[in-house]
Amino acid sequence: MEPEGSKEAAKQPAEVESGDPVDPRDLVSSDDEIDYSVEPEFYDPDIDDVDERWVHRQRKGRTSDAVLSCPACFTTLCLDSQRHEKYVNQYRAMFVRNCKIRTDQILREGKGKWKNHKVRAVNSSSTPEAENKGAVYHPVCCEICSTEVGVSDEDEVYHFFNVIPSNS
């Protein structure tokens, strides 16, 4: 059984902040305020062609295997990449955007070949002879959300392994 006060409250019209009573049936939906006979300002049927020309200008005639995006925030990281011959989910690139190199961390290749992206962190206070063994890498993160997306080597080549590739 409902209390009598709730029945009376349901019959009462809602009050606006100014204190005036408003009947909920008088409220207008935002859909009723939209004029669908006019083409929206934010629609551009030619935007895909404009974007494609912009990408071609950015690549300067180079071809790409994929456009790479951050897996967390979907920010574009690279327009010009080359797919790894053996590991199909890895890419390398020289020209990137929205990436930051973490120079405060040094990564080294494991004992064997670089397998399954396993690199071990080396303490920056280690001995000089330990630093001369193997290739040196720095982690690469998305500039927007700081997700680690790959590594950068001594030749400033980026190796991406945590990205979302899309057709270019």
Protein backbone atom coordinates (compact mmCIF):
# COMPACT_ATOMS: atom_id res chain seq x y z
CA MET A 1 0.00 0.00 0.00
CA GLU A 2 1.33 3.44 -0.93
CA PRO A 3 1.32 6.33 1.48
CA GLU A 4 -1.28 8.99 0.79
CA GLY A 5 1.36 11.69 0.40
CA SER A 6 2.92 10.02 -2.70
CA LYS A 7 -0.48 9.92 -4.50
CA GLU A 8 -0.97 13.60 -3.91
CA ALA A 9 2.60 14.37 -5.05
CA ALA A 10 1.97 12.54 -8.33
CA LYS A 11 -1.11 14.70 -8.96
CA GLN A 12 0.81 17.92 -8.28
CA PRO A 13 2.59 19.58 -11.24
CA ALA A 14 6.40 19.74 -11.17
CA GLU A 15 7.98 23.00 -10.04
CA VAL A 16 10.58 24.87 -12.02
CA GLU A 17 13.54 26.45 -10.21
CA SER A 18 11.70 29.77 -10.13
CA GLY A 19 8.95 28.15 -8.08
CA ASP A 20 6.26 28.27 -10.77
CA PRO A 21 4.37 25.00 -11.26
CA VAL A 22 4.87 23.32 -14.68
CA ASP A 23 2.77 20.52 -16.07
CA PRO A 24 5.09 17.73 -17.42
CA ARG A 25 2.73 17.31 -20.40
CA ASP A 26 3.60 20.85 -21.50
CA LEU A 27 7.32 20.09 -21.79
CA VAL A 28 8.63 19.84 -25.35
CA SER A 29 11.07 17.13 -26.44
CA SER A 30 14.32 18.30 -27.99
CA ASP A 31 13.40 16.25 -31.07
CA ASP A 32 10.38 18.49 -31.55
CA GLU A 33 12.68 21.53 -31.72
CA ILE A 34 14.87 20.16 -34.56
CA ASP A 35 13.99 21.20 -38.10
CA TYR A 36 14.82 18.14 -40.21
CA SER A 37 13.95 19.92 -43.47
CA VAL A 38 17.27 21.83 -43.33
CA GLU A 39 20.54 19.98 -44.01
CA PRO A 40 22.73 20.00 -40.87
CA GLU A 41 25.78 22.30 -40.87
CA PHE A 42 28.14 19.61 -39.58
CA TYR A 43 27.62 17.24 -42.53
CA ASP A 44 30.16 17.40 -45.36
CA PRO A 45 29.80 14.84 -48.16
CA ASP A 46 33.32 15.63 -49.45
CA ILE A 47 35.19 15.25 -46.14
CA ASP A 48 36.51 11.76 -46.94
CA ASP A 49 38.16 13.02 -50.14
CA VAL A 50 39.67 15.98 -48.30
CA ASP A 51 41.04 13.67 -45.57
CA GLU A 52 42.52 11.29 -48.14
CA ARG A 53 44.37 14.13 -49.90
CA TRP A 54 45.72 15.32 -46.53
CA VAL A 55 47.09 11.85 -45.72
CA HIS A 56 48.77 11.60 -49.15
CA ARG A 57 50.44 14.98 -48.56
CA GLN A 58 51.65 13.81 -45.13
CA ARG A 59 53.16 10.61 -46.58
CA LYS A 60 54.91 12.49 -49.40
CA GLY A 61 54.40 9.68 -51.90
CA ARG A 62 55.41 6.82 -49.60
CA THR A 63 53.20 3.78 -49.30
CA SER A 64 52.15 2.28 -45.99
CA ASP A 65 51.07 -1.12 -44.74
CA ALA A 66 48.75 0.35 -42.10
CA VAL A 67 47.67 3.44 -40.21
CA LEU A 68 48.41 2.80 -36.53
CA SER A 69 46.23 3.97 -33.64
CA CYS A 70 46.49 3.83 -29.87
CA PRO A 71 44.53 0.86 -28.47
CA ALA A 72 43.25 2.89 -25.50
CA CYS A 73 42.19 6.26 -26.94
CA PHE A 74 42.29 5.56 -30.72
CA THR A 75 44.60 8.51 -31.38
CA THR A 76 46.47 8.24 -34.70
CA LEU A 77 50.12 7.40 -34.02
CA CYS A 78 51.50 6.70 -37.48
CA LEU A 79 50.35 7.15 -41.08
CA ASP A 80 53.38 5.49 -42.69
CA SER A 81 54.34 2.09 -41.25
CA GLN A 82 55.87 -1.19 -42.39
CA ARG A 83 54.58 -4.54 -41.16
CA HIS A 84 57.04 -7.00 -39.61
CA GLU A 85 57.80 -9.96 -41.89
CA LYS A 86 57.48 -12.60 -39.17
CA TYR A 87 55.29 -11.07 -36.45
CA VAL A 88 52.14 -9.82 -38.15
CA ASN A 89 51.02 -7.70 -35.18
CA GLN A 90 54.27 -5.67 -35.13
CA TYR A 91 55.07 -2.59 -37.19
CA ARG A 92 58.02 -0.26 -37.57
CA ALA A 93 58.07 3.37 -38.57
CA MET A 94 60.26 6.44 -38.69
CA PHE A 95 57.64 9.19 -38.93
CA VAL A 96 55.17 9.22 -36.05
CA ARG A 97 52.82 11.63 -34.34
CA ASN A 98 51.28 11.81 -30.88
CA CYS A 99 54.08 9.66 -29.43
CA LYS A 100 56.51 10.40 -26.63
CA ILE A 101 59.72 8.53 -25.90
CA ARG A 102 60.37 7.76 -22.24
CA THR A 103 64.07 8.52 -22.05
CA ASP A 104 64.09 7.88 -18.32
CA GLN A 105 63.80 4.13 -18.97
CA ILE A 106 66.26 1.94 -20.85
CA LEU A 107 65.15 -1.42 -22.21
CA ARG A 108 67.46 -4.11 -23.53
CA GLU A 109 66.87 -7.05 -25.75
CA GLY A 110 66.70 -10.40 -23.93
CA LYS A 111 69.34 -13.13 -24.25
CA GLY A 112 67.99 -14.56 -27.51
CA LYS A 113 66.20 -12.83 -30.34
CA TRP A 114 63.50 -10.33 -29.57
CA LYS A 115 60.59 -12.69 -28.95
CA ASN A 116 57.08 -11.82 -27.89
CA HIS A 117 58.12 -8.24 -27.11
CA LYS A 118 60.04 -9.41 -24.03
CA VAL A 119 62.63 -6.85 -23.13
CA ARG A 120 63.97 -6.35 -19.64
CA ALA A 121 64.40 -3.03 -17.92
CA VAL A 122 67.95 -2.09 -16.99
CA ASN A 123 68.62 0.02 -13.94
CA SER A 124 70.14 3.36 -14.95
CA SER A 125 72.78 2.95 -12.23
CA SER A 126 74.15 -0.28 -13.75
CA THR A 127 77.77 -0.70 -14.73
CA PRO A 128 79.03 0.64 -18.08
CA GLU A 129 80.01 -2.80 -19.36
CA ALA A 130 76.47 -4.05 -18.76
CA GLU A 131 75.12 -1.15 -20.82
CA ASN A 132 77.25 -2.10 -23.84
CA LYS A 133 75.60 -5.54 -24.18
CA GLY A 134 72.70 -5.80 -26.61
CA ALA A 135 70.57 -3.19 -28.32
CA VAL A 136 69.18 -0.29 -26.31
CA TYR A 137 65.49 0.65 -26.54
CA HIS A 138 63.31 3.30 -24.93
CA PRO A 139 59.58 2.79 -24.29
CA VAL A 140 57.21 4.75 -26.55
CA CYS A 141 53.88 5.93 -25.13
CA CYS A 142 50.80 7.59 -26.56
CA GLU A 143 51.10 11.31 -25.89
CA ILE A 144 47.39 11.60 -25.16
CA CYS A 145 46.72 8.73 -22.71
CA SER A 146 50.27 7.47 -21.87
CA THR A 147 49.58 3.90 -22.99
CA GLU A 148 52.80 2.08 -23.89
CA VAL A 149 52.57 1.25 -27.60
CA GLY A 150 56.11 0.17 -28.51
CA VAL A 151 59.80 0.98 -28.29
CA SER A 152 62.30 3.23 -30.05
CA ASP A 153 65.81 2.04 -30.91
CA GLU A 154 69.13 3.89 -31.15
CA ASP A 155 68.49 4.75 -34.82
CA GLU A 156 65.18 6.47 -33.92
CA VAL A 157 63.15 3.71 -35.56
CA TYR A 158 59.90 3.06 -33.76
CA HIS A 159 58.82 -0.55 -33.22
CA PHE A 160 55.09 -0.77 -32.47
CA PHE A 161 53.51 -3.87 -30.97
CA ASN A 162 50.58 -2.55 -28.93
CA VAL A 163 48.59 -0.68 -31.59
CA ILE A 164 45.45 -1.01 -33.67
CA PRO A 165 46.28 -1.20 -37.39
CA SER A 166 43.81 -0.12 -40.06
CA ASN A 167 43.96 -0.23 -43.84
CA SER A 168 45.77 2.67 -45.41
